[in-house]
C-alpha cells in the first residue's frame, strides 16, 4: 500500500481533561472539608479524611488509565523506504509506531445514541488499546492497512434507559 498520512482513527476529544478533573477534586475536597467541620464537635471525622484520600486515589488511577487511551491512529511511510507503519497517539501525548501486520483485531463499537464510535485495537505481543469516542471510521481503510487483522464492527450492547435497543 502506498502510504501517505492517512488517518484511520480520530477521536473527538484529544486533551487530557485536566481542568475539569482538578475542578471535581477541589469541589469534592471542599464538600468533605465542610462536612468534616460540621461533624467535628459531635463525632469522629476520620471518615471525611478517608473518603477524600479514596477519591483522590480513584482520580489518579482514572487519569493514568485515560492518558493511555488512543486519540489518533494513522498510517505513515516507514523510514528508508520500508513498509508503512501504524502510528498511534495517546491522550497523554505518547506516540508509538507499530507494524500493521502485527495488528490481530480491530473492533469498532458504534454508540446506540449519539452516532459516535469507540475503537478496540489488538496488537500481537502488546496489550489491548482502547480509543476515545470519535466519528466511526471507514472499515475498508483498516482492512487495506492491516490485511491480517480481523476487522469488524458492532453496535453497543447497551443503550439509553427506557429506549429499546
Protein backbone atom coordinates (compact mmCIF):
# COMPACT_ATOMS: atom_id res chain seq x y z
CA UNK A 1 0.00 0.00 0.00
CA UNK A 2 1.30 3.45 -0.83
CA UNK A 3 1.34 5.23 2.48
CA UNK A 4 0.61 8.88 2.90
CA UNK A 5 -0.61 10.44 6.09
CA UNK A 6 -3.95 8.59 6.15
CA UNK A 7 -5.95 8.97 9.35
CA UNK A 8 -7.52 5.69 10.45
CA UNK A 9 -8.92 6.81 13.81
CA UNK A 10 -9.55 10.32 15.07
CA UNK A 11 -11.11 10.92 18.49
CA UNK A 12 -13.40 13.86 19.09
CA UNK A 13 -11.62 14.90 22.31
CA UNK A 14 -7.83 14.71 22.31
CA UNK A 15 -7.00 16.54 25.53
CA UNK A 16 -6.20 15.17 28.97
CA UNK A 17 -9.21 16.90 30.57
CA UNK A 18 -7.02 18.19 33.39
CA UNK A 19 -9.04 21.30 34.30
CA UNK A 20 -12.39 19.50 34.81
CA UNK A 21 -10.61 16.80 36.82
CA UNK A 22 -8.95 19.38 39.08
CA UNK A 23 -12.26 21.21 39.45
CA UNK A 24 -14.01 17.98 40.52
CA UNK A 25 -11.26 17.24 43.02
CA UNK A 26 -11.46 20.75 44.50
CA UNK A 27 -15.25 20.62 44.86
CA UNK A 28 -15.09 17.19 46.48
CA UNK A 29 -12.36 18.31 48.88
CA UNK A 30 -14.35 21.43 49.85
CA UNK A 31 -17.55 19.44 50.44
CA UNK A 32 -15.77 16.81 52.53
CA UNK A 33 -13.96 19.52 54.47
CA UNK A 34 -17.23 21.32 55.16
CA UNK A 35 -18.94 18.11 56.31
CA UNK A 36 -15.91 17.33 58.46
CA UNK A 37 -16.11 20.76 60.15
CA UNK A 38 -19.84 20.45 60.72
CA UNK A 39 -19.44 17.00 62.26
CA UNK A 40 -16.22 17.85 64.17
CA UNK A 41 -17.88 18.62 67.51
CA UNK A 42 -20.29 15.72 67.51
CA UNK A 43 -18.46 12.73 66.05
CA UNK A 44 -15.29 11.28 64.62
CA UNK A 45 -14.23 12.93 61.34
CA UNK A 46 -11.80 10.28 60.15
CA UNK A 47 -14.40 9.19 57.59
CA UNK A 48 -14.04 12.52 55.78
CA UNK A 49 -10.27 12.15 55.52
CA UNK A 50 -10.58 8.54 54.34
CA UNK A 51 -13.21 9.49 51.77
CA UNK A 52 -11.03 12.33 50.45
CA UNK A 53 -7.98 10.05 50.16
CA UNK A 54 -10.03 7.35 48.41
CA UNK A 55 -11.45 9.89 45.98
CA UNK A 56 -8.01 11.28 45.13
CA UNK A 57 -6.65 7.76 44.55
CA UNK A 58 -9.55 6.93 42.24
CA UNK A 59 -9.00 10.15 40.26
CA UNK A 60 -5.26 9.40 39.93
CA UNK A 61 -5.99 5.87 38.69
CA UNK A 62 -8.54 7.19 36.19
CA UNK A 63 -6.11 9.84 34.94
CA UNK A 64 -3.42 7.19 34.40
CA UNK A 65 -5.87 4.94 32.52
CA UNK A 66 -7.35 7.78 30.46
CA UNK A 67 -3.91 9.07 29.46
CA UNK A 68 -3.20 5.75 27.71
CA UNK A 69 -6.31 5.80 25.54
CA UNK A 70 -5.85 6.29 21.80
CA UNK A 71 -6.84 9.59 20.27
CA UNK A 72 -5.38 9.10 16.82
CA UNK A 73 -4.22 6.28 14.56
CA UNK A 74 -2.66 6.97 11.20
CA UNK A 75 -0.66 5.13 8.59
CA UNK A 76 2.71 6.75 7.82
CA UNK A 77 5.53 5.78 5.46
CA UNK A 78 8.38 3.82 7.01
CA UNK A 79 11.93 5.09 7.18
CA UNK A 80 14.49 4.25 4.48
CA UNK A 81 11.90 3.04 2.02
CA UNK A 82 10.50 0.43 4.41
CA UNK A 83 6.87 -0.57 4.61
CA UNK A 84 4.12 1.56 6.04
CA UNK A 85 3.88 1.95 9.80
CA UNK A 86 0.88 2.34 12.06
CA UNK A 87 1.38 5.43 14.28
CA UNK A 88 -0.71 5.50 17.45
CA UNK A 89 -1.04 8.67 19.54
CA UNK A 90 -2.40 8.54 23.06
CA UNK A 91 -4.17 11.19 25.11
CA UNK A 92 -1.10 11.62 27.33
CA UNK A 93 0.98 12.56 24.29
CA UNK A 94 2.91 9.32 23.79
CA UNK A 95 3.37 8.30 20.14
CA UNK A 96 4.34 4.77 19.13
CA UNK A 97 4.90 3.14 15.73
CA UNK A 98 3.81 -0.44 15.04
CA UNK A 99 3.97 -2.81 12.12
CA UNK A 100 0.44 -3.04 10.59
CA UNK A 101 0.96 -6.77 10.02
CA UNK A 102 1.11 -7.23 13.82
CA UNK A 103 -2.47 -5.99 14.29
CA UNK A 104 -4.66 -9.01 15.04
CA UNK A 105 -8.06 -7.41 15.58
CA UNK A 106 -9.78 -4.08 15.00
CA UNK A 107 -13.23 -3.64 16.53
CA UNK A 108 -15.31 -0.50 16.13
CA UNK A 109 -18.22 -0.26 18.60
CA UNK A 110 -20.98 2.09 17.44
CA UNK A 111 -22.86 4.02 20.10
CA UNK A 112 -26.61 3.47 20.08
CA UNK A 113 -27.46 7.07 20.93
CA UNK A 114 -25.21 9.77 19.52
CA UNK A 115 -23.65 8.24 16.39
CA UNK A 116 -20.10 8.11 17.74
CA UNK A 117 -17.91 5.02 17.97
CA UNK A 118 -15.15 3.56 20.15
CA UNK A 119 -12.11 1.63 18.97
CA UNK A 120 -10.54 -1.54 20.33
CA UNK A 121 -7.23 -2.46 18.76
CA UNK A 122 -5.32 -5.68 19.46
CA UNK A 123 -1.63 -5.75 18.54
CA UNK A 124 0.28 -9.04 18.73
CA UNK A 125 2.73 -9.01 21.63
CA UNK A 126 1.12 -5.91 23.15
CA UNK A 127 -1.89 -5.24 25.26
CA UNK A 128 -5.28 -4.11 24.08
CA UNK A 129 -5.54 -0.45 23.01
CA UNK A 130 -8.76 1.48 23.67
CA UNK A 131 -9.76 4.53 21.65
CA UNK A 132 -11.67 7.51 22.91
CA UNK A 133 -15.04 8.16 21.26
CA UNK A 134 -14.92 9.64 17.79
CA UNK A 135 -16.69 9.51 14.46
CA UNK A 136 -16.96 6.00 13.00
CA UNK A 137 -14.06 5.25 10.61
CA UNK A 138 -14.26 3.53 7.25
CA UNK A 139 -13.51 -0.12 7.85
CA UNK A 140 -12.14 -0.56 4.32
CA UNK A 141 -9.15 1.63 5.25
CA UNK A 142 -8.43 -0.63 8.24
CA UNK A 143 -8.79 -3.77 6.09
CA UNK A 144 -6.43 -2.38 3.47
CA UNK A 145 -3.88 -1.19 6.04
CA UNK A 146 -3.93 -4.28 8.28
CA UNK A 147 -4.53 -7.21 5.89
CA UNK A 148 -4.00 -9.92 8.52
CA UNK A 149 -6.33 -8.36 11.09
CA UNK A 150 -9.88 -9.38 11.89
CA UNK A 151 -11.66 -6.07 11.20
CA UNK A 152 -15.26 -5.68 12.28
CA UNK A 153 -17.83 -3.51 13.92
CA UNK A 154 -20.86 -3.94 16.11
CA UNK A 155 -23.44 -1.89 17.95
CA UNK A 156 -23.03 -1.30 21.65
CA UNK A 157 -24.74 -3.85 23.88
CA UNK A 158 -26.33 -1.12 26.00
CA UNK A 159 -28.35 1.96 25.28
CA UNK A 160 -30.30 4.69 26.94
CA UNK A 161 -32.59 3.61 29.76
CA UNK A 162 -36.18 3.33 28.60
CA UNK A 163 -35.28 3.18 24.91
CA UNK A 164 -35.31 -0.32 23.46
CA UNK A 165 -32.17 -1.36 21.57
